Protein backbone atom coordinates (compact mmCIF):
# COMPACT_ATOMS: atom_id res chain seq x y z
CA MET A 1 -64.35 80.61 -53.45
CA PRO A 2 -64.60 77.07 -54.85
CA VAL A 3 -63.74 76.68 -58.53
CA GLN A 4 -65.33 74.02 -60.79
CA THR A 5 -62.72 71.83 -62.52
CA ARG A 6 -62.96 69.91 -65.79
CA SER A 7 -63.28 66.66 -63.89
CA GLY A 8 -66.09 68.06 -61.90
CA GLY A 9 -64.13 68.38 -58.74
CA ARG A 10 -63.48 71.51 -56.81
CA ARG A 11 -60.28 73.07 -55.43
CA SER A 12 -59.65 75.95 -53.13
CA THR A 13 -57.88 79.17 -54.16
CA SER A 14 -56.61 80.00 -50.66
CA ALA A 15 -52.84 80.43 -50.12
CA PRO A 16 -52.32 77.51 -47.75
CA HIS A 17 -53.67 75.10 -50.32
CA THR A 18 -51.44 76.62 -53.03
CA LYS A 19 -48.35 76.11 -50.84
CA ALA A 20 -49.40 72.56 -49.98
CA ARG A 21 -49.61 71.57 -53.66
CA ILE A 22 -45.84 71.86 -54.22
CA SER A 23 -44.81 68.69 -56.02
CA PRO A 24 -42.60 66.22 -54.19
CA ARG A 25 -40.63 65.88 -57.46
CA ARG A 26 -39.80 69.59 -57.38
CA GLY A 27 -38.63 69.20 -53.78
CA LYS A 28 -36.15 66.53 -54.83
CA LYS A 29 -34.91 68.78 -57.57
CA LYS A 30 -34.25 71.53 -55.08
CA ARG A 31 -32.27 69.19 -52.83
CA ALA A 32 -30.24 68.01 -55.84
CA SER A 33 -29.41 71.62 -56.70
CA THR A 34 -28.12 72.15 -53.16
CA ALA A 35 -25.86 69.08 -53.45
CA GLU A 36 -24.59 70.23 -56.81
CA LEU A 37 -23.95 73.67 -55.40
CA ARG A 38 -22.03 72.11 -52.56
CA GLU A 39 -19.95 70.05 -55.00
CA HIS A 40 -19.42 73.08 -57.20
CA THR A 41 -18.30 75.09 -54.18
CA GLU A 42 -15.84 72.36 -53.19
CA GLU A 43 -14.49 72.20 -56.75
CA GLU A 44 -14.00 75.97 -56.80
CA GLN A 45 -12.24 75.79 -53.45
CA GLN A 46 -9.96 73.03 -54.73
CA VAL A 47 -9.22 75.02 -57.88
CA GLY A 48 -8.57 78.10 -55.75
CA ASP A 49 -6.24 76.15 -53.47
CA LYS A 50 -4.41 74.79 -56.52
CA ARG A 51 -4.05 78.27 -58.01
CA GLU A 52 -2.83 79.61 -54.66
CA ALA A 53 -0.31 76.78 -54.42
CA GLU A 54 0.85 77.49 -57.97
CA GLN A 55 1.18 81.19 -57.10
CA VAL A 56 3.22 80.31 -54.01
CA VAL A 57 5.50 78.11 -56.11
CA GLU A 58 5.79 80.83 -58.75
CA THR A 59 6.48 83.44 -56.07
CA GLY A 60 9.05 81.11 -54.49
CA ASN A 61 10.70 80.56 -57.86
CA GLU A 62 10.68 84.28 -58.54
CA LYS A 63 12.21 84.88 -55.10
CA LYS A 64 14.85 82.23 -55.75
CA GLU A 65 15.56 83.75 -59.14
CA THR A 66 15.76 87.20 -57.53
CA GLU A 67 18.05 85.93 -54.77
CA THR A 68 20.20 84.07 -57.31
CA GLY A 69 20.34 87.19 -59.43
CA GLU A 70 21.33 89.27 -56.41
CA VAL A 71 24.05 86.77 -55.45
CA GLN A 72 25.33 86.72 -59.03
CA GLY A 73 25.17 90.52 -59.11
CA LYS A 74 27.10 90.78 -55.85
CA LYS A 75 29.66 88.25 -57.11
CA ALA A 76 30.02 90.22 -60.34
CA ARG A 77 30.47 93.43 -58.39
CA THR A 78 32.98 91.70 -56.10
CA ASP A 79 34.91 90.37 -59.09
CA ASP A 80 34.90 93.81 -60.69
CA ASP A 81 36.08 95.39 -57.44
CA GLU A 82 38.88 92.85 -57.06
CA ALA A 83 39.92 93.21 -60.68
CA LYS A 84 40.14 96.98 -60.21
CA ARG A 85 41.86 96.75 -56.83
CA TYR A 86 44.57 94.40 -58.06
CA SER A 87 45.09 95.94 -61.47
CA PHE A 88 48.30 97.76 -62.43
CA HIS A 89 48.18 101.17 -60.70
CA GLU A 90 50.23 103.66 -62.66
CA GLY A 91 52.22 106.37 -60.86
CA THR A 92 53.33 106.58 -57.24
CA ILE A 93 51.73 103.77 -55.25
CA GLU A 94 53.59 104.49 -52.00
CA ARG A 95 56.00 106.91 -50.39
CA GLY A 96 57.46 107.15 -46.90
CA HIS A 97 60.63 106.79 -44.84
CA VAL A 98 63.15 103.99 -45.17
CA TYR A 99 65.55 102.77 -42.46
CA PHE A 100 68.47 100.39 -43.08
CA PHE A 101 69.53 97.99 -40.31
CA TYR A 102 72.10 95.22 -40.07
CA ARG A 103 72.50 92.61 -37.35
CA PRO A 104 75.81 91.00 -36.32
CA LYS A 105 76.29 87.25 -36.40
CA VAL A 106 75.54 85.19 -33.31
CA GLN A 107 78.13 85.58 -30.55
CA HIS A 108 79.65 88.61 -32.30
CA GLU A 109 79.66 91.62 -30.06
CA GLU A 110 81.17 93.82 -32.76
CA VAL A 111 81.15 93.97 -36.53
CA HIS A 112 84.33 94.84 -38.41
CA ASP A 113 83.17 94.22 -41.97
CA ILE A 114 80.32 92.68 -43.94
CA ASP A 115 81.57 89.16 -43.17
CA ASP A 116 80.47 89.68 -39.56
CA VAL A 117 76.94 90.64 -40.65
CA ARG A 118 74.18 88.05 -40.23
CA ASN A 119 71.16 89.94 -41.69
CA PHE A 120 70.50 93.14 -43.57
CA HIS A 121 67.06 94.73 -43.28
CA MET A 122 65.18 97.48 -45.02
CA LEU A 123 62.38 98.97 -42.90
CA LEU A 124 59.61 100.81 -44.77
CA ILE A 125 57.16 103.09 -42.97
CA PRO A 126 54.59 104.46 -45.45
CA ARG A 127 53.32 108.03 -45.09
CA PRO A 128 50.62 110.04 -46.85
CA PRO A 129 51.82 112.65 -49.36
CA GLU A 130 52.79 115.92 -47.76
CA PHE A 131 50.42 117.93 -49.96
CA SER A 132 47.46 116.00 -48.50
CA VAL A 133 48.26 116.85 -44.89
CA HIS A 134 46.88 120.18 -43.76
CA VAL A 135 48.88 122.13 -41.20
CA GLU A 136 47.17 125.17 -39.73
CA GLY A 137 48.65 128.38 -41.12
CA LYS A 138 51.12 126.57 -43.37
CA GLN A 139 50.95 126.03 -47.11
CA PRO A 140 52.09 122.48 -48.03
CA SER A 141 55.30 122.40 -50.05
CA GLY A 142 54.86 121.70 -53.73
CA VAL A 143 51.33 123.11 -53.79
CA GLU A 144 50.59 126.41 -55.46
CA LYS A 145 47.37 128.38 -55.88
CA ASP A 146 46.23 128.86 -59.47
CA SER A 147 45.98 132.63 -59.83
CA HIS A 148 43.99 132.26 -63.04
CA SER A 149 41.23 130.25 -61.36
CA ASP A 150 38.30 131.88 -59.61
CA ASP A 151 37.81 128.98 -57.16
CA GLU A 152 41.44 129.04 -55.93
CA MET A 153 42.27 125.61 -57.33
CA SER A 154 45.56 124.19 -56.03
CA VAL A 155 48.17 122.87 -58.46
CA ILE A 156 50.58 120.12 -57.34
CA ALA A 157 54.11 120.63 -58.57
CA GLU A 158 55.77 117.91 -60.64
CA GLY A 159 57.24 115.11 -58.54
CA GLU A 160 55.57 116.17 -55.30
CA ASP A 161 53.52 112.98 -55.10
CA VAL A 162 56.63 111.19 -53.71
CA VAL A 163 57.22 113.66 -50.87
CA PRO A 164 56.02 112.06 -47.60
CA ALA A 165 54.39 113.95 -44.77
CA PRO A 166 56.73 114.56 -41.80
CA PRO A 167 56.89 111.49 -39.56
CA PRO A 168 55.30 111.74 -36.10
CA LYS A 169 57.47 111.16 -33.06
CA ASP A 170 56.97 108.83 -30.11
CA GLN A 171 53.89 107.24 -31.66
CA PRO A 172 54.24 103.43 -31.79
CA LYS A 173 50.98 102.81 -33.62
CA THR A 174 51.94 103.06 -37.27
CA HIS A 175 52.12 100.69 -40.21
CA PHE A 176 55.51 99.17 -41.04
CA ARG A 177 57.03 96.57 -43.32
CA LEU A 178 60.39 94.86 -42.67
CA ILE A 179 62.22 93.43 -45.71
CA THR A 180 65.28 91.18 -45.38
CA VAL A 181 67.74 91.33 -48.29
CA GLY A 182 69.36 88.00 -49.12
CA LYS A 183 72.96 88.96 -49.92
CA LYS A 184 73.24 91.26 -46.89
CA ARG A 185 73.48 94.32 -49.12
CA LEU A 186 71.52 96.30 -51.72
CA PRO A 187 72.05 95.71 -55.44
CA ASP A 188 74.66 98.18 -56.65
CA PRO A 189 74.00 99.85 -60.04
CA ASP A 190 77.64 100.91 -60.19
CA ALA A 191 79.12 97.48 -59.48
CA PRO A 192 81.32 96.05 -62.25
CA GLY A 193 80.09 93.02 -64.16
CA GLY A 194 76.55 94.13 -64.91
CA LYS A 195 73.35 94.59 -62.94
CA GLY A 196 72.97 92.79 -59.64
CA VAL A 197 69.83 90.71 -58.99
CA TYR A 198 69.13 90.08 -55.29
CA TRP A 199 66.48 88.09 -53.49
CA ALA A 200 64.54 89.62 -50.62
CA SER A 201 61.50 88.72 -48.55
CA VAL A 202 58.99 90.51 -46.35
CA THR A 203 59.73 89.15 -42.88
CA ALA A 204 57.38 91.28 -40.77
CA VAL A 205 54.29 93.42 -41.34
CA GLY A 206 52.50 95.20 -38.52
CA ASP A 207 51.05 98.32 -36.96
CA ASP A 208 52.91 98.38 -33.63
CA LEU A 209 56.50 99.60 -33.53
CA HIS A 210 56.97 98.08 -30.06
CA ARG A 211 56.73 94.68 -31.73
CA LEU A 212 59.39 95.82 -34.20
CA GLU A 213 61.62 97.01 -31.35
CA GLN A 214 61.46 93.58 -29.73
CA GLY A 215 62.28 91.87 -33.01
CA LEU A 216 65.30 94.08 -33.73
CA GLY A 217 66.52 94.16 -30.14
CA GLU A 218 69.06 92.00 -28.35
CA ARG A 219 68.13 88.39 -27.63
CA SER A 220 69.61 85.51 -25.72
CA TYR A 221 68.52 81.87 -25.83
CA GLU A 222 69.77 78.38 -25.01
CA THR A 223 71.16 76.03 -27.65
CA LYS A 224 72.25 72.40 -27.41
CA THR A 225 75.41 71.06 -28.98
CA ARG A 226 74.92 68.16 -31.39
CA GLY A 227 75.47 64.72 -29.85
CA GLU A 228 75.86 66.02 -26.32
CA ARG A 229 73.44 66.91 -23.58
CA LEU A 230 75.07 70.21 -22.97
CA SER A 231 73.31 73.52 -23.36
CA MET A 232 74.82 76.94 -23.61
CA ARG A 233 73.53 80.48 -23.52
CA THR A 234 73.68 82.15 -26.93
CA SER A 235 73.29 85.86 -27.43
CA ARG A 236 72.27 87.77 -30.51
CA GLY A 237 73.21 91.42 -30.54
CA PRO A 238 70.78 94.20 -31.40
CA ALA A 239 70.41 95.47 -34.95
CA ARG A 240 72.41 98.56 -35.93
CA LEU A 241 70.95 101.54 -37.77
CA ALA A 242 73.01 102.15 -40.92
CA GLY A 243 70.92 104.71 -42.78
CA ARG A 244 67.69 106.65 -42.99
CA GLY A 245 66.00 108.41 -45.91
CA VAL A 246 62.88 108.92 -47.98
CA TYR A 247 61.60 106.46 -50.58
CA ALA A 248 58.96 106.07 -53.26
CA ILE A 249 57.56 103.10 -55.17
CA VAL A 250 56.45 104.09 -58.67
CA ASN A 251 54.75 102.09 -61.42
CA THR A 252 55.47 102.90 -65.06
CA ARG A 253 53.19 101.59 -67.80
CA GLY A 254 54.99 100.19 -70.83
CA LYS A 255 53.92 99.95 -74.45
CA THR A 256 52.77 96.40 -73.71
CA VAL A 257 51.67 94.72 -70.46
CA SER A 258 54.94 92.80 -70.30
CA ARG A 259 56.78 96.13 -70.30
CA ASN A 260 55.08 97.42 -67.14
CA ALA A 261 57.65 98.05 -64.41
CA THR A 262 57.91 98.94 -60.73
CA HIS A 263 60.82 101.04 -59.46
CA PHE A 264 61.91 101.63 -55.89
CA GLY A 265 63.90 104.83 -55.41
CA TYR A 266 65.30 106.48 -52.30
CA HIS A 267 67.47 109.37 -51.12
CA LEU A 268 69.34 109.35 -47.81
CA SER A 269 68.94 112.00 -45.15
CA HIS A 270 71.30 110.26 -42.72
CA PRO A 271 74.20 110.09 -43.29
CA SER A 272 74.59 112.95 -45.72
CA GLU A 273 77.78 111.31 -47.04
CA GLU A 274 78.49 107.61 -47.48
CA GLY A 275 80.91 106.02 -45.01
CA GLU A 276 82.58 102.63 -44.89
CA VAL A 277 79.42 100.93 -43.61
CA GLN A 278 77.20 102.35 -46.35
CA VAL A 279 79.68 101.47 -49.11
CA GLU A 280 79.93 97.80 -48.07
CA LEU A 281 76.17 97.48 -47.63
CA GLY A 282 75.53 99.04 -51.05
CA ILE A 283 73.63 102.01 -49.60
CA HIS A 284 74.12 104.94 -51.98
CA THR A 285 73.11 108.49 -51.16
CA ALA A 286 70.53 108.08 -53.92
CA SER A 287 69.69 104.93 -55.86
CA SER A 288 66.94 102.93 -57.50
CA PHE A 289 66.20 99.35 -58.46
CA VAL A 290 63.49 97.41 -60.24
CA LEU A 291 61.09 95.60 -57.93
CA GLN A 292 59.40 92.33 -58.89
CA VAL A 293 57.17 90.01 -56.84
CA LYS A 294 57.40 86.21 -57.07
CA ASN A 295 54.35 83.98 -57.36
CA PRO A 296 54.27 81.87 -54.16
CA GLU A 297 52.70 78.94 -56.07
CA ALA A 298 55.52 78.83 -58.64
CA GLU A 299 58.14 76.23 -57.83
CA PRO A 300 61.90 76.86 -58.26
CA GLY A 301 63.11 77.41 -61.80
CA SER A 302 65.26 75.24 -63.99
CA PHE A 303 68.08 72.98 -62.81
CA GLY A 304 66.22 72.36 -59.55
CA GLN A 305 67.50 75.56 -57.99
CA ARG A 306 66.25 76.05 -54.45
CA ILE A 307 65.89 79.80 -54.38
CA GLY A 308 63.66 81.67 -52.00
CA LEU A 309 61.57 80.55 -49.06
CA PRO A 310 60.24 77.03 -48.48
CA ALA A 311 56.59 76.57 -49.43
CA GLY A 312 55.37 76.74 -45.82
CA ARG A 313 56.83 80.20 -45.27
CA ARG A 314 55.70 81.86 -48.49
CA ALA A 315 53.00 84.53 -48.63
CA LYS A 316 49.41 83.30 -48.39
CA TYR A 317 47.85 85.55 -51.00
CA PRO A 318 44.04 85.59 -51.44
CA GLU A 319 42.51 84.15 -54.59
CA GLY A 320 41.88 87.64 -55.95
CA ILE A 321 45.63 88.38 -56.12
CA LEU A 322 46.44 84.96 -57.56
CA LYS A 323 43.75 85.41 -60.22
CA TYR A 324 44.10 89.05 -61.24
CA VAL A 325 47.81 89.69 -60.55
CA PHE A 326 49.54 86.37 -61.23
CA GLU A 327 46.84 85.25 -63.74
CA LYS A 328 46.39 81.83 -62.16
CA GLU A 329 45.04 79.05 -64.44
CA THR A 330 46.11 80.97 -67.55
CA ARG A 331 49.00 80.97 -70.00
CA GLY A 332 49.15 77.18 -69.97
CA ARG A 333 50.38 77.02 -66.37
CA SER A 334 48.29 76.31 -63.30
CA TYR A 335 50.04 78.99 -61.25
CA GLY A 336 50.12 81.62 -64.03
CA LEU A 337 52.99 84.13 -64.09
CA ARG A 338 56.18 83.46 -62.13
CA PHE A 339 57.14 87.12 -61.56
CA VAL A 340 55.12 90.33 -61.84
CA PRO A 341 55.64 94.04 -61.14
CA CYS A 342 54.16 95.30 -57.91
CA ASN A 343 50.75 96.09 -59.45
CA CYS A 344 49.42 97.40 -56.14
CA ILE A 345 50.94 97.91 -52.72
CA ASP A 346 48.82 95.07 -51.27
CA LEU A 347 51.39 92.60 -52.62
CA LEU A 348 53.97 93.80 -50.08
CA ASP A 349 51.69 93.58 -47.06
CA TYR A 350 51.95 89.81 -46.66
CA GLU A 351 54.68 88.19 -44.60
CA GLY A 352 56.57 85.76 -46.76
CA ALA A 353 56.21 87.84 -49.93
CA GLU A 354 59.29 87.11 -52.07
CA LEU A 355 60.91 89.89 -54.07
CA LEU A 356 63.52 90.43 -56.73
CA LEU A 357 65.63 93.58 -56.43
CA ILE A 358 67.34 94.41 -59.73
CA ALA A 359 69.89 97.23 -59.75
CA ALA A 360 68.78 100.15 -61.95
CA ARG A 361 70.48 103.55 -61.54
CA SER A 362 72.34 105.51 -58.88
CA GLY A 363 72.48 109.20 -58.06
CA THR A 364 69.75 111.80 -58.20
CA GLU A 365 69.71 111.89 -62.00
CA GLY A 366 69.53 108.10 -62.19
CA THR A 367 66.70 107.96 -59.66
CA ASP A 368 64.97 110.74 -61.54
CA GLU A 369 65.14 108.69 -64.72
CA SER A 370 63.83 105.56 -63.00
CA LEU A 371 60.91 107.24 -61.21
CA GLY A 372 60.14 109.88 -63.85
CA GLU A 373 58.50 113.32 -63.58
CA SER A 374 61.32 114.86 -61.50
CA ARG A 375 60.57 112.53 -58.60
CA GLY A 376 64.26 111.91 -57.97
CA LYS A 377 64.85 115.64 -57.52
CA ALA A 378 61.85 115.85 -55.18
CA LEU A 379 63.27 113.04 -53.02
CA ARG A 380 66.63 114.82 -52.90
CA THR A 381 65.00 118.05 -51.75
CA VAL A 382 63.14 116.45 -48.87
CA GLY A 383 66.15 114.25 -47.98
CA GLU A 384 68.43 117.25 -47.70
CA ARG A 385 65.84 119.13 -45.69
CA GLU A 386 65.39 116.29 -43.19
CA SER A 387 69.16 115.77 -42.89
CA GLN A 388 69.20 118.76 -40.55
CA GLU A 389 67.38 116.76 -37.87
CA PRO A 390 69.57 115.20 -35.15
CA PRO A 391 70.04 111.37 -35.22
CA GLU A 392 68.20 111.15 -31.89
CA ASP A 393 65.00 112.13 -33.66
CA ILE A 394 65.26 109.06 -35.90
CA PHE A 395 64.76 106.78 -32.91
CA ARG A 396 61.85 108.91 -31.76
CA GLU A 397 60.27 108.41 -35.20
CA LEU A 398 60.50 104.68 -34.55
CA ALA A 399 59.28 105.04 -30.96
CA ILE A 400 62.24 102.99 -29.71
CA GLU A 401 64.88 103.63 -27.06
CA LYS A 402 68.08 104.98 -28.55
CA ASP A 403 70.27 103.28 -25.94
CA ARG A 404 69.13 99.84 -27.13
CA PHE A 405 70.48 100.33 -30.65
CA PRO A 406 74.00 101.53 -31.47
CA ALA A 407 73.96 104.66 -33.63
CA GLU A 408 77.63 104.82 -34.67
CA PRO A 409 77.04 102.97 -37.99
CA ILE A 410 74.83 105.80 -39.23
CA GLU A 411 78.01 107.87 -39.17
CA GLY A 412 79.75 105.27 -41.31
CA LYS A 413 81.59 103.38 -38.57
CA TRP A 414 81.32 99.62 -37.99
CA ILE A 415 80.41 98.48 -34.54
């Protein structure tokens, strides 16, 4: 229905006319709002992208910090593990069987005295303690059941930690360590003129006795005379077995760190009595000496003495040993300590390891005093027990052919 206006005109009230009267100015305003919304949306997206980028950076930094923390944690754990591994281990750090060999000089078919000897070796074959090896139906020696305990707890007798398990026979795969003694004999605690101090070095470490057999066996090779073009065939006789027994390496903690000491003690099973060969080679029925290990980075001592191996043949110890055993970069010296006790048995498992053997005490009582806790008596007991085995079994323990190595010296006779 038409409506009268103040101006006298008329307008319609129908819907189409109402819709058509929308102001063009309002239309522009609507379009502006859409543009602003679009800009606002883009700004929010940019802000969101920036926040996401910042979160990625923060996450990356957190990840790097986490990874760095993990690496530092692993390094700390590794350092702690190495410090513990190479620290001074008190008590028995190794026990086993020891074999003494000597080799004649080149072109010497026979040996009549120590002057004909070229090298003297001490072969160590470590074994687990006897009380740790279970044999069906047999109670390990030195282990007793506690009758006062309800859970049948076993008690290890004093000194039994040095008793090695019986050696297997005809099994070449076993760990060994060959030590060459510098003066072709062991330091003798009973020698006049004070305690002997001898150099020694680890010349071979391995896990295959066949390799050892080849090294100790007979060899022949060609040599050339100086100044002439003549060559000749030179032979080197096989090593001779001069003794066999049981040994233990024991660490004793002193009142101060500098008083810590390592003792090597042994008791022979073969021969049961010393002969001419054993006397000249310094092999007592029972004896002990102090064992020290030389820092391979320490140069010869005063007066320019050239003692020990040349630098190229010395042990290549890992940094952990140099740091925690020899205390490298401490005490005002770049290499640290010159000599140390055998903190852990790892020190002897490197070819080129240089050792000092210092005579200590002889006899069962002397060995007992050096090793402590009746360990000398325990070595005597097992040595006497194993002395009942025939000499042929010794070569079977080493998985080598008896015919390749003369056995007469183990009876005290030079050959």
